[in-house]
């Protein structure tokens, strides 16, 4: 697999990751972020403009 190949995984609600999937995720943490024309690196000013889609709740949900 080349570095720029996309990999898609489908995870269903309630599905637990396999040990192989967990190891795959752990291995990715040491890889650098690759920016491109579709996903350029953002400046600090651009990052400050992001807003939460769902506001934080003041109380913890009981469930």
Foldseek 3Di string as FASTA:
>chain_A
DDPPDDDDDDDDPPRDDDPVVVVVVVVCVPDDDDADPVRHDDDPVVVVPDDDPDDDDPDDDDD
